[in-house]
Amino acid sequence: MNRVDLALARFRQKPYMYNCAQTVCAAFGREDLVEPMAGCGGGRAPEGTCGALYGAMQVAPEKAAAILAAFSASCGASTCREIKGENRVPCQECVRRAATILVETGL
């Protein structure tokens, strides 16, 4: 299973029931970030950042600016509120896009 599919398989699915930030971290082997990301889904990441995006930036902090730019271009925004309100991108799609961006950056 590739990392994008792995992230989607863990997003709100038993037995994991991970939020968007946790799924991205876990799919890229950053189990150390799963617990700290527990409160970062549903628009609760710092500054209202999309949890999937925030998780991706935590997985590869050295590439955070590029991840942010690519995700914002893909989703039309970087905050959960904007993505859900104006752009109507579902959470599962945000997870897919964040994981895809990480794969494209070489992770």
PDB file of N, CA and C in Angstrom:
ATOM      1  N   MET A   1       0.854  -1.177   0.000  1.00  0.00           N
ATOM      2  CA  MET A   1       0.000   0.000   0.000  1.00  0.00           C
ATOM      3  C   MET A   1       0.902   1.243   0.000  1.00  0.00           C
ATOM      4  N   ASN A   2       0.624   2.176  -0.903  1.00  0.00           N
ATOM      5  CA  ASN A   2       1.434   3.391  -0.933  1.00  0.00           C
ATOM      6  C   ASN A   2       1.047   4.310   0.225  1.00  0.00           C
ATOM      7  N   ARG A   3       1.832   5.331   0.446  1.00  0.00           N
ATOM      8  CA  ARG A   3       1.633   6.198   1.621  1.00  0.00           C
ATOM      9  C   ARG A   3       0.322   6.996   1.557  1.00  0.00           C
ATOM     10  N   VAL A   4      -0.098   7.386   0.377  1.00  0.00           N
ATOM     11  CA  VAL A   4      -1.367   8.109   0.251  1.00  0.00           C
ATOM     12  C   VAL A   4      -2.511   7.190   0.654  1.00  0.00           C
ATOM     13  N   ASP A   5      -2.511   5.976   0.137  1.00  0.00           N
ATOM     14  CA  ASP A   5      -3.557   5.007   0.487  1.00  0.00           C
ATOM     15  C   ASP A   5      -3.498   4.643   1.966  1.00  0.00           C
ATOM     16  N   LEU A   6      -2.296   4.556   2.505  1.00  0.00           N
ATOM     17  CA  LEU A   6      -2.128   4.256   3.921  1.00  0.00           C
ATOM     18  C   LEU A   6      -2.739   5.359   4.783  1.00  0.00           C
ATOM     19  N   ALA A   7      -2.512   6.596   4.409  1.00  0.00           N
ATOM     20  CA  ALA A   7      -3.108   7.713   5.158  1.00  0.00           C
ATOM     21  C   ALA A   7      -4.630   7.641   5.090  1.00  0.00           C
ATOM     22  N   LEU A   8      -5.168   7.409   3.920  1.00  0.00           N
ATOM     23  CA  LEU A   8      -6.625   7.351   3.773  1.00  0.00           C
ATOM     24  C   LEU A   8      -7.218   6.168   4.533  1.00  0.00           C
ATOM     25  N   ALA A   9      -6.479   5.071   4.625  1.00  0.00           N
ATOM     26  CA  ALA A   9      -6.958   3.892   5.338  1.00  0.00           C
ATOM     27  C   ALA A   9      -7.031   4.107   6.842  1.00  0.00           C
ATOM     28  N   ARG A  10      -6.263   5.044   7.354  1.00  0.00           N
ATOM     29  CA  ARG A  10      -6.259   5.314   8.796  1.00  0.00           C
ATOM     30  C   ARG A  10      -7.159   6.477   9.196  1.00  0.00           C
ATOM     31  N   PHE A  11      -7.582   7.267   8.231  1.00  0.00           N
ATOM     32  CA  PHE A  11      -8.382   8.453   8.528  1.00  0.00           C
ATOM     33  C   PHE A  11      -9.786   8.054   8.953  1.00  0.00           C
ATOM     34  N   ARG A  12     -10.037   8.234  10.244  1.00  0.00           N
ATOM     35  CA  ARG A  12     -11.347   7.946  10.836  1.00  0.00           C
ATOM     36  C   ARG A  12     -11.821   6.509  10.592  1.00  0.00           C
ATOM     37  N   GLN A  13     -10.872   5.595  10.447  1.00  0.00           N
ATOM     38  CA  GLN A  13     -11.191   4.188  10.206  1.00  0.00           C
ATOM     39  C   GLN A  13     -10.717   3.340  11.383  1.00  0.00           C
ATOM     40  N   LYS A  14     -11.495   2.359  11.743  1.00  0.00           N
ATOM     41  CA  LYS A  14     -11.108   1.440  12.813  1.00  0.00           C
ATOM     42  C   LYS A  14      -9.918   0.631  12.355  1.00  0.00           C
ATOM     43  N   PRO A  15      -8.998   0.277  13.180  1.00  0.00           N
ATOM     44  CA  PRO A  15      -8.960   0.513  14.614  1.00  0.00           C
ATOM     45  C   PRO A  15      -8.313   1.839  15.002  1.00  0.00           C
ATOM     46  N   TYR A  16      -7.825   2.595  14.017  1.00  0.00           N
ATOM     47  CA  TYR A  16      -7.048   3.798  14.326  1.00  0.00           C
ATOM     48  C   TYR A  16      -7.903   4.980  14.740  1.00  0.00           C
ATOM     49  N   MET A  17      -8.879   5.336  13.923  1.00  0.00           N
ATOM     50  CA  MET A  17      -9.743   6.489  14.172  1.00  0.00           C
ATOM     51  C   MET A  17      -8.925   7.774  14.299  1.00  0.00           C
ATOM     52  N   TYR A  18      -7.890   7.886  13.481  1.00  0.00           N
ATOM     53  CA  TYR A  18      -7.031   9.066  13.512  1.00  0.00           C
ATOM     54  C   TYR A  18      -7.704  10.265  12.857  1.00  0.00           C
ATOM     55  N   ASN A  19      -7.367  11.453  13.342  1.00  0.00           N
ATOM     56  CA  ASN A  19      -7.824  12.676  12.679  1.00  0.00           C
ATOM     57  C   ASN A  19      -6.913  12.939  11.478  1.00  0.00           C
ATOM     58  N   CYS A  20      -7.169  14.026  10.775  1.00  0.00           N
ATOM     59  CA  CYS A  20      -6.428  14.327   9.552  1.00  0.00           C
ATOM     60  C   CYS A  20      -4.924  14.505   9.797  1.00  0.00           C
ATOM     61  N   ALA A  21      -4.552  15.205  10.843  1.00  0.00           N
ATOM     62  CA  ALA A  21      -3.134  15.427  11.136  1.00  0.00           C
ATOM     63  C   ALA A  21      -2.440  14.118  11.509  1.00  0.00           C
ATOM     64  N   GLN A  22      -3.095  13.312  12.329  1.00  0.00           N
ATOM     65  CA  GLN A  22      -2.509  12.046  12.762  1.00  0.00           C
ATOM     66  C   GLN A  22      -2.299  11.090  11.595  1.00  0.00           C
ATOM     67  N   THR A  23      -3.250  11.030  10.677  1.00  0.00           N
ATOM     68  CA  THR A  23      -3.145  10.079   9.569  1.00  0.00           C
ATOM     69  C   THR A  23      -1.944  10.385   8.690  1.00  0.00           C
ATOM     70  N   VAL A  24      -1.723  11.661   8.420  1.00  0.00           N
ATOM     71  CA  VAL A  24      -0.591  12.033   7.575  1.00  0.00           C
ATOM     72  C   VAL A  24       0.720  11.674   8.271  1.00  0.00           C
ATOM     73  N   CYS A  25       0.824  11.981   9.539  1.00  0.00           N
ATOM     74  CA  CYS A  25       2.045  11.657  10.291  1.00  0.00           C
ATOM     75  C   CYS A  25       2.297  10.150  10.320  1.00  0.00           C
ATOM     76  N   ALA A  26       1.279   9.385  10.638  1.00  0.00           N
ATOM     77  CA  ALA A  26       1.431   7.926  10.741  1.00  0.00           C
ATOM     78  C   ALA A  26       1.788   7.298   9.399  1.00  0.00           C
ATOM     79  N   ALA A  27       1.190   7.783   8.320  1.00  0.00           N
ATOM     80  CA  ALA A  27       1.450   7.209   6.998  1.00  0.00           C
ATOM     81  C   ALA A  27       2.895   7.402   6.557  1.00  0.00           C
ATOM     82  N   PHE A  28       3.554   8.393   7.121  1.00  0.00           N
ATOM     83  CA  PHE A  28       4.936   8.661   6.754  1.00  0.00           C
ATOM     84  C   PHE A  28       5.918   8.230   7.842  1.00  0.00           C
ATOM     85  N   GLY A  29       5.469   7.294   8.687  1.00  0.00           N
ATOM     86  CA  GLY A  29       6.352   6.688   9.675  1.00  0.00           C
ATOM     87  C   GLY A  29       6.680   7.546  10.873  1.00  0.00           C
ATOM     88  N   ARG A  30       5.921   8.601  11.095  1.00  0.00           N
ATOM     89  CA  ARG A  30       6.179   9.480  12.231  1.00  0.00           C
ATOM     90  C   ARG A  30       5.190   9.183  13.361  1.00  0.00           C
ATOM     91  N   GLU A  31       5.256   7.962  13.855  1.00  0.00           N
ATOM     92  CA  GLU A  31       4.393   7.534  14.957  1.00  0.00           C
ATOM     93  C   GLU A  31       4.620   8.397  16.198  1.00  0.00           C
ATOM     94  N   ASP A  32       5.816   8.979  16.306  1.00  0.00           N
ATOM     95  CA  ASP A  32       6.117   9.851  17.449  1.00  0.00           C
ATOM     96  C   ASP A  32       5.256  11.115  17.445  1.00  0.00           C
ATOM     97  N   LEU A  33       4.678  11.453  16.314  1.00  0.00           N
ATOM     98  CA  LEU A  33       3.844  12.647  16.212  1.00  0.00           C
ATOM     99  C   LEU A  33       2.345  12.359  16.346  1.00  0.00           C
ATOM    100  N   VAL A  34       1.966  11.088  16.350  1.00  0.00           N
ATOM    101  CA  VAL A  34       0.541  10.746  16.363  1.00  0.00           C
ATOM    102  C   VAL A  34      -0.152  11.294  17.609  1.00  0.00           C
ATOM    103  N   GLU A  35       0.390  11.046  18.765  1.00  0.00           N
ATOM    104  CA  GLU A  35      -0.252  11.528  19.999  1.00  0.00           C
ATOM    105  C   GLU A  35      -0.260  13.061  20.083  1.00  0.00           C
ATOM    106  N   PRO A  36       0.862  13.736  19.810  1.00  0.00           N
ATOM    107  CA  PRO A  36       0.828  15.193  19.844  1.00  0.00           C
ATOM    108  C   PRO A  36      -0.153  15.817  18.842  1.00  0.00           C
ATOM    109  N   MET A  37      -0.462  15.113  17.773  1.00  0.00           N
ATOM    110  CA  MET A  37      -1.380  15.631  16.750  1.00  0.00           C
ATOM    111  C   MET A  37      -2.849  15.344  17.076  1.00  0.00           C
ATOM    112  N   ALA A  38      -3.102  14.686  18.201  1.00  0.00           N
ATOM    113  CA  ALA A  38      -4.482  14.308  18.554  1.00  0.00           C
ATOM    114  C   ALA A  38      -5.426  15.504  18.628  1.00  0.00           C
ATOM    115  N   GLY A  39      -4.934  16.646  19.012  1.00  0.00           N
ATOM    116  CA  GLY A  39      -5.771  17.839  19.121  1.00  0.00           C
ATOM    117  C   GLY A  39      -5.686  18.763  17.930  1.00  0.00           C
ATOM    118  N   CYS A  40      -5.149  18.276  16.816  1.00  0.00           N
ATOM    119  CA  CYS A  40      -4.911  19.162  15.669  1.00  0.00           C
ATOM    120  C   CYS A  40      -5.830  18.904  14.480  1.00  0.00           C
ATOM    121  N   GLY A  41      -6.885  18.166  14.677  1.00  0.00           N
ATOM    122  CA  GLY A  41      -7.852  17.946  13.605  1.00  0.00           C
ATOM    123  C   GLY A  41      -9.027  18.893  13.746  1.00  0.00           C
ATOM    124  N   GLY A  42      -9.847  18.948  12.737  1.00  0.00           N
ATOM    125  CA  GLY A  42     -11.076  19.725  12.814  1.00  0.00           C
ATOM    126  C   GLY A  42     -10.870  21.214  13.012  1.00  0.00           C
ATOM    127  N   GLY A  43      -9.815  21.759  12.428  1.00  0.00           N
ATOM    128  CA  GLY A  43      -9.570  23.190  12.537  1.00  0.00           C
ATOM    129  C   GLY A  43      -8.893  23.629  13.821  1.00  0.00           C
ATOM    130  N   ARG A  44      -8.386  22.666  14.606  1.00  0.00           N
ATOM    131  CA  ARG A  44      -7.770  23.010  15.887  1.00  0.00           C
ATOM    132  C   ARG A  44      -6.248  23.054  15.850  1.00  0.00           C
ATOM    133  N   ALA A  45      -5.664  22.912  14.669  1.00  0.00           N
ATOM    134  CA  ALA A  45      -4.216  23.075  14.553  1.00  0.00           C
ATOM    135  C   ALA A  45      -3.888  24.549  14.772  1.00  0.00           C
ATOM    136  N   PRO A  46      -2.646  24.868  15.109  1.00  0.00           N
ATOM    137  CA  PRO A  46      -2.284  26.268  15.336  1.00  0.00           C
ATOM    138  C   PRO A  46      -2.750  27.186  14.195  1.00  0.00           C
ATOM    139  N   GLU A  47      -3.286  28.319  14.589  1.00  0.00           N
ATOM    140  CA  GLU A  47      -3.777  29.344  13.667  1.00  0.00           C
ATOM    141  C   GLU A  47      -4.886  28.847  12.749  1.00  0.00           C
ATOM    142  N   GLY A  48      -5.569  27.768  13.125  1.00  0.00           N
ATOM    143  CA  GLY A  48      -6.672  27.246  12.322  1.00  0.00           C
ATOM    144  C   GLY A  48      -6.236  26.511  11.072  1.00  0.00           C
ATOM    145  N   THR A  49      -4.947  26.214  10.982  1.00  0.00           N
ATOM    146  CA  THR A  49      -4.404  25.509   9.820  1.00  0.00           C
ATOM    147  C   THR A  49      -5.108  24.168   9.645  1.00  0.00           C
ATOM    148  N   CYS A  50      -5.329  23.794   8.400  1.00  0.00           N
ATOM    149  CA  CYS A  50      -5.879  22.468   8.097  1.00  0.00           C
ATOM    150  C   CYS A  50      -4.990  21.426   8.775  1.00  0.00           C
ATOM    151  N   GLY A  51      -5.593  20.473   9.467  1.00  0.00           N
ATOM    152  CA  GLY A  51      -4.830  19.460  10.175  1.00  0.00           C
ATOM    153  C   GLY A  51      -3.960  18.608   9.272  1.00  0.00           C
ATOM    154  N   ALA A  52      -4.479  18.243   8.111  1.00  0.00           N
ATOM    155  CA  ALA A  52      -3.688  17.438   7.173  1.00  0.00           C
ATOM    156  C   ALA A  52      -2.447  18.210   6.738  1.00  0.00           C
ATOM    157  N   LEU A  53      -2.618  19.478   6.454  1.00  0.00           N
ATOM    158  CA  LEU A  53      -1.487  20.334   6.088  1.00  0.00           C
ATOM    159  C   LEU A  53      -0.513  20.460   7.251  1.00  0.00           C
ATOM    160  N   TYR A  54      -1.027  20.710   8.437  1.00  0.00           N
ATOM    161  CA  TYR A  54      -0.175  20.863   9.612  1.00  0.00           C
ATOM    162  C   TYR A  54       0.626  19.580   9.863  1.00  0.00           C
ATOM    163  N   GLY A  55      -0.029  18.442   9.748  1.00  0.00           N
ATOM    164  CA  GLY A  55       0.674  17.166   9.914  1.00  0.00           C
ATOM    165  C   GLY A  55       1.787  17.006   8.894  1.00  0.00           C
ATOM    166  N   ALA A  56       1.507  17.359   7.648  1.00  0.00           N
ATOM    167  CA  ALA A  56       2.521  17.250   6.597  1.00  0.00           C
ATOM    168  C   ALA A  56       3.712  18.151   6.893  1.00  0.00           C
ATOM    169  N   MET A  57       3.441  19.350   7.366  1.00  0.00           N
ATOM    170  CA  MET A  57       4.536  20.266   7.686  1.00  0.00           C
ATOM    171  C   MET A  57       5.346  19.777   8.877  1.00  0.00           C
ATOM    172  N   GLN A  58       4.736  19.031   9.787  1.00  0.00           N
ATOM    173  CA  GLN A  58       5.468  18.473  10.923  1.00  0.00           C
ATOM    174  C   GLN A  58       6.310  17.281  10.499  1.00  0.00           C
ATOM    175  N   VAL A  59       5.846  16.544   9.512  1.00  0.00           N
ATOM    176  CA  VAL A  59       6.604  15.397   8.995  1.00  0.00           C
ATOM    177  C   VAL A  59       7.886  15.875   8.315  1.00  0.00           C
ATOM    178  N   ALA A  60       7.791  16.969   7.579  1.00  0.00           N
ATOM    179  CA  ALA A  60       8.954  17.486   6.847  1.00  0.00           C
ATOM    180  C   ALA A  60       9.115  18.982   7.110  1.00  0.00           C
ATOM    181  N   PRO A  61       9.513  19.354   8.334  1.00  0.00           N
ATOM    182  CA  PRO A  61       9.597  20.785   8.677  1.00  0.00           C
ATOM    183  C   PRO A  61      10.561  21.573   7.799  1.00  0.00           C
ATOM    184  N   GLU A  62      11.574  20.920   7.279  1.00  0.00           N
ATOM    185  CA  GLU A  62      12.529  21.609   6.406  1.00  0.00           C
ATOM    186  C   GLU A  62      11.906  21.993   5.064  1.00  0.00           C
ATOM    187  N   LYS A  63      10.776  21.388   4.743  1.00  0.00           N
ATOM    188  CA  LYS A  63      10.081  21.670   3.484  1.00  0.00           C
ATOM    189  C   LYS A  63       8.721  22.325   3.722  1.00  0.00           C
ATOM    190  N   ALA A  64       8.509  22.840   4.936  1.00  0.00           N
ATOM    191  CA  ALA A  64       7.197  23.373   5.321  1.00  0.00           C
ATOM    192  C   ALA A  64       6.701  24.477   4.386  1.00  0.00           C
ATOM    193  N   ALA A  65       7.570  25.370   3.977  1.00  0.00           N
ATOM    194  CA  ALA A  65       7.141  26.473   3.100  1.00  0.00           C
ATOM    195  C   ALA A  65       6.656  25.946   1.752  1.00  0.00           C
ATOM    196  N   ALA A  66       7.374  24.995   1.201  1.00  0.00           N
ATOM    197  CA  ALA A  66       6.976  24.415  -0.086  1.00  0.00           C
ATOM    198  C   ALA A  66       5.684  23.609   0.049  1.00  0.00           C
ATOM    199  N   ILE A  67       5.545  22.897   1.156  1.00  0.00           N
ATOM    200  CA  ILE A  67       4.324  22.119   1.405  1.00  0.00           C
ATOM    201  C   ILE A  67       3.128  23.059   1.535  1.00  0.00           C
ATOM    202  N   LEU A  68       3.307  24.128   2.299  1.00  0.00           N
ATOM    203  CA  LEU A  68       2.247  25.119   2.471  1.00  0.00           C
ATOM    204  C   LEU A  68       1.832  25.717   1.134  1.00  0.00           C
ATOM    205  N   ALA A  69       2.787  26.095   0.316  1.00  0.00           N
ATOM    206  CA  ALA A  69       2.488  26.706  -0.982  1.00  0.00           C
ATOM    207  C   ALA A  69       1.749  25.731  -1.894  1.00  0.00           C
ATOM    208  N   ALA A  70       2.213  24.489  -1.956  1.00  0.00           N
ATOM    209  CA  ALA A  70       1.581  23.497  -2.825  1.00  0.00           C
ATOM    210  C   ALA A  70       0.173  23.159  -2.349  1.00  0.00           C
ATOM    211  N   PHE A  71       0.011  23.012  -1.046  1.00  0.00           N
ATOM    212  CA  PHE A  71      -1.303  22.679  -0.494  1.00  0.00           C
ATOM    213  C   PHE A  71      -2.279  23.833  -0.700  1.00  0.00           C
ATOM    214  N   SER A  72      -1.843  25.045  -0.442  1.00  0.00           N
ATOM    215  CA  SER A  72      -2.704  26.210  -0.619  1.00  0.00           C
ATOM    216  C   SER A  72      -3.133  26.362  -2.074  1.00  0.00           C
ATOM    217  N   ALA A  73      -2.218  26.090  -2.998  1.00  0.00           N
ATOM    218  CA  ALA A  73      -2.555  26.155  -4.421  1.00  0.00           C
ATOM    219  C   ALA A  73      -3.563  25.068  -4.787  1.00  0.00           C
ATOM    220  N   SER A  74      -3.399  23.905  -4.211  1.00  0.00           N
ATOM    221  CA  SER A  74      -4.282  22.775  -4.507  1.00  0.00           C
ATOM    222  C   SER A  74      -5.676  22.941  -3.914  1.00  0.00           C
ATOM    223  N   CYS A  75      -5.748  23.426  -2.678  1.00  0.00           N
ATOM    224  CA  CYS A  75      -7.023  23.520  -1.966  1.00  0.00           C
ATOM    225  C   CYS A  75      -7.628  24.924  -1.984  1.00  0.00           C
ATOM    226  N   GLY A  76      -6.852  25.894  -2.410  1.00  0.00           N
ATOM    227  CA  GLY A  76      -7.348  27.259  -2.448  1.00  0.00           C
ATOM    228  C   GLY A  76      -7.213  28.010  -1.144  1.00  0.00           C
ATOM    229  N   ALA A  77      -6.697  27.375  -0.120  1.00  0.00           N
ATOM    230  CA  ALA A  77      -6.540  27.993   1.198  1.00  0.00           C
ATOM    231  C   ALA A  77      -5.693  27.075   2.064  1.00  0.00           C
ATOM    232  N   SER A  78      -5.330  27.573   3.250  1.00  0.00           N
ATOM    233  CA  SER A  78      -4.545  26.751   4.176  1.00  0.00           C
ATOM    234  C   SER A  78      -5.252  26.527   5.506  1.00  0.00           C
ATOM    235  N   THR A  79      -6.315  27.270   5.775  1.00  0.00           N
ATOM    236  CA  THR A  79      -7.022  27.086   7.041  1.00  0.00           C
ATOM    237  C   THR A  79      -8.258  26.225   6.839  1.00  0.00           C
ATOM    238  N   CYS A  80      -8.567  25.488   7.852  1.00  0.00           N
ATOM    239  CA  CYS A  80      -9.725  24.600   7.814  1.00  0.00           C
ATOM    240  C   CYS A  80     -11.005  25.404   7.505  1.00  0.00           C
ATOM    241  N   ARG A  81     -11.162  26.493   8.162  1.00  0.00           N
ATOM    242  CA  ARG A  81     -12.370  27.306   7.980  1.00  0.00           C
ATOM    243  C   ARG A  81     -12.544  27.733   6.520  1.00  0.00           C
ATOM    244  N   GLU A  82     -11.468  28.218   5.899  1.00  0.00           N
ATOM    245  CA  GLU A  82     -11.554  28.649   4.502  1.00  0.00           C
ATOM    246  C   GLU A  82     -11.800  27.469   3.564  1.00  0.00           C
ATOM    247  N   ILE A  83     -11.113  26.375   3.833  1.00  0.00           N
ATOM    248  CA  ILE A  83     -11.259  25.199   2.969  1.00  0.00           C
ATOM    249  C   ILE A  83     -12.684  24.661   3.037  1.00  0.00           C
ATOM    250  N   LYS A  84     -13.224  24.583   4.224  1.00  0.00           N
ATOM    251  CA  LYS A  84     -14.574  24.041   4.390  1.00  0.00           C
ATOM    252  C   LYS A  84     -15.642  25.045   3.959  1.00  0.00           C
ATOM    253  N   GLY A  85     -15.404  26.326   4.251  1.00  0.00           N
ATOM    254  CA  GLY A  85     -16.416  27.336   3.974  1.00  0.00           C
ATOM    255  C   GLY A  85     -16.509  27.723   2.513  1.00  0.00           C
ATOM    256  N   GLU A  86     -15.412  28.138   1.960  1.00  0.00           N
ATOM    257  CA  GLU A  86     -15.419  28.676   0.606  1.00  0.00           C
ATOM    258  C   GLU A  86     -15.150  27.626  -0.457  1.00  0.00           C
ATOM    259  N   ASN A  87     -14.244  26.741  -0.190  1.00  0.00           N
ATOM    260  CA  ASN A  87     -13.784  25.825  -1.225  1.00  0.00           C
ATOM    261  C   ASN A  87     -14.458  24.462  -1.196  1.00  0.00           C
ATOM    262  N   ARG A  88     -15.026  24.125  -0.054  1.00  0.00           N
ATOM    263  CA  ARG A  88     -15.760  22.872   0.087  1.00  0.00           C
ATOM    264  C   ARG A  88     -14.936  21.632  -0.277  1.00  0.00           C
ATOM    265  N   VAL A  89     -13.705  21.609   0.179  1.00  0.00           N
ATOM    266  CA  VAL A  89     -12.858  20.436  -0.017  1.00  0.00           C
ATOM    267  C   VAL A  89     -13.046  19.544   1.204  1.00  0.00           C
ATOM    268  N   PRO A  90     -13.522  18.313   1.033  1.00  0.00           N
ATOM    269  CA  PRO A  90     -13.735  17.424   2.182  1.00  0.00           C
ATOM    270  C   PRO A  90     -12.427  17.066   2.887  1.00  0.00           C
ATOM    271  N   CYS A  91     -12.524  16.736   4.145  1.00  0.00           N
ATOM    272  CA  CYS A  91     -11.346  16.384   4.947  1.00  0.00           C
ATOM    273  C   CYS A  91     -10.552  15.242   4.320  1.00  0.00           C
ATOM    274  N   GLN A  92     -11.233  14.226   3.851  1.00  0.00           N
ATOM    275  CA  GLN A  92     -10.536  13.090   3.252  1.00  0.00           C
ATOM    276  C   GLN A  92      -9.706  13.535   2.045  1.00  0.00           C
ATOM    277  N   GLU A  93     -10.218  14.465   1.279  1.00  0.00           N
ATOM    278  CA  GLU A  93      -9.474  14.974   0.127  1.00  0.00           C
ATOM    279  C   GLU A  93      -8.274  15.798   0.580  1.00  0.00           C
ATOM    280  N   CYS A  94      -8.412  16.520   1.684  1.00  0.00           N
ATOM    281  CA  CYS A  94      -7.270  17.264   2.233  1.00  0.00           C
ATOM    282  C   CYS A  94      -6.165  16.305   2.651  1.00  0.00           C
ATOM    283  N   VAL A  95      -6.538  15.183   3.264  1.00  0.00           N
ATOM    284  CA  VAL A  95      -5.559  14.156   3.637  1.00  0.00           C
ATOM    285  C   VAL A  95      -4.867  13.627   2.386  1.00  0.00           C
ATOM    286  N   ARG A  96      -5.648  13.329   1.354  1.00  0.00           N
ATOM    287  CA  ARG A  96      -5.078  12.818   0.097  1.00  0.00           C
ATOM    288  C   ARG A  96      -4.085  13.829  -0.487  1.00  0.00           C
ATOM    289  N   ARG A  97      -4.468  15.084  -0.534  1.00  0.00           N
ATOM    290  CA  ARG A  97      -3.609  16.107  -1.134  1.00  0.00           C
ATOM    291  C   ARG A  97      -2.346  16.336  -0.313  1.00  0.00           C
ATOM    292  N   ALA A  98      -2.462  16.383   0.998  1.00  0.00           N
ATOM    293  CA  ALA A  98      -1.285  16.580   1.849  1.00  0.00           C
ATOM    294  C   ALA A  98      -0.314  15.409   1.709  1.00  0.00           C
ATOM    295  N   ALA A  99      -0.830  14.184   1.714  1.00  0.00           N
ATOM    296  CA  ALA A  99       0.029  13.015   1.564  1.00  0.00           C
ATOM    297  C   ALA A  99       0.671  12.983   0.181  1.00  0.00           C
ATOM    298  N   THR A 100      -0.079  13.333  -0.838  1.00  0.00           N
ATOM    299  CA  THR A 100       0.459  13.369  -2.194  1.00  0.00           C
ATOM    300  C   THR A 100       1.585  14.384  -2.307  1.00  0.00           C
ATOM    301  N   ILE A 101       1.412  15.538  -1.707  1.00  0.00           N
ATOM    302  CA  ILE A 101       2.462  16.567  -1.722  1.00  0.00           C
ATOM    303  C   ILE A 101       3.724  16.058  -1.035  1.00  0.00           C
ATOM    304  N   LEU A 102       3.569  15.365   0.084  1.00  0.00           N
ATOM    305  CA  LEU A 102       4.748  14.792   0.745  1.00  0.00           C
ATOM    306  C   LEU A 102       5.454  13.777  -0.147  1.00  0.00           C
ATOM    307  N   VAL A 103       4.684  12.931  -0.816  1.00  0.00           N
ATOM    308  CA  VAL A 103       5.284  11.950  -1.733  1.00  0.00           C
ATOM    309  C   VAL A 103       6.028  12.681  -2.838  1.00  0.00           C
ATOM    310  N   GLU A 104       5.423  13.715  -3.375  1.00  0.00           N
ATOM    311  CA  GLU A 104       6.046  14.471  -4.463  1.00  0.00           C
ATOM    312  C   GLU A 104       7.316  15.209  -4.028  1.00  0.00           C
ATOM    313  N   THR A 105       7.443  15.479  -2.736  1.00  0.00           N
ATOM    314  CA  THR A 105       8.651  16.141  -2.232  1.00  0.00           C
ATOM    315  C   THR A 105       9.773  15.144  -1.965  1.00  0.00           C
ATOM    316  N   GLY A 106       9.483  13.874  -2.183  1.00  0.00           N
ATOM    317  CA  GLY A 106      10.520  12.856  -2.036  1.00  0.00           C
ATOM    318  C   GLY A 106      10.456  12.053  -0.752  1.00  0.00           C
ATOM    319  N   LEU A 107       9.389  12.171  -0.002  1.00  0.00           N
ATOM    320  CA  LEU A 107       9.277  11.372   1.226  1.00  0.00           C
ATOM    321  C   LEU A 107       8.546  10.078   0.960  1.00  0.00           C
TER     322      LEU A 107
END
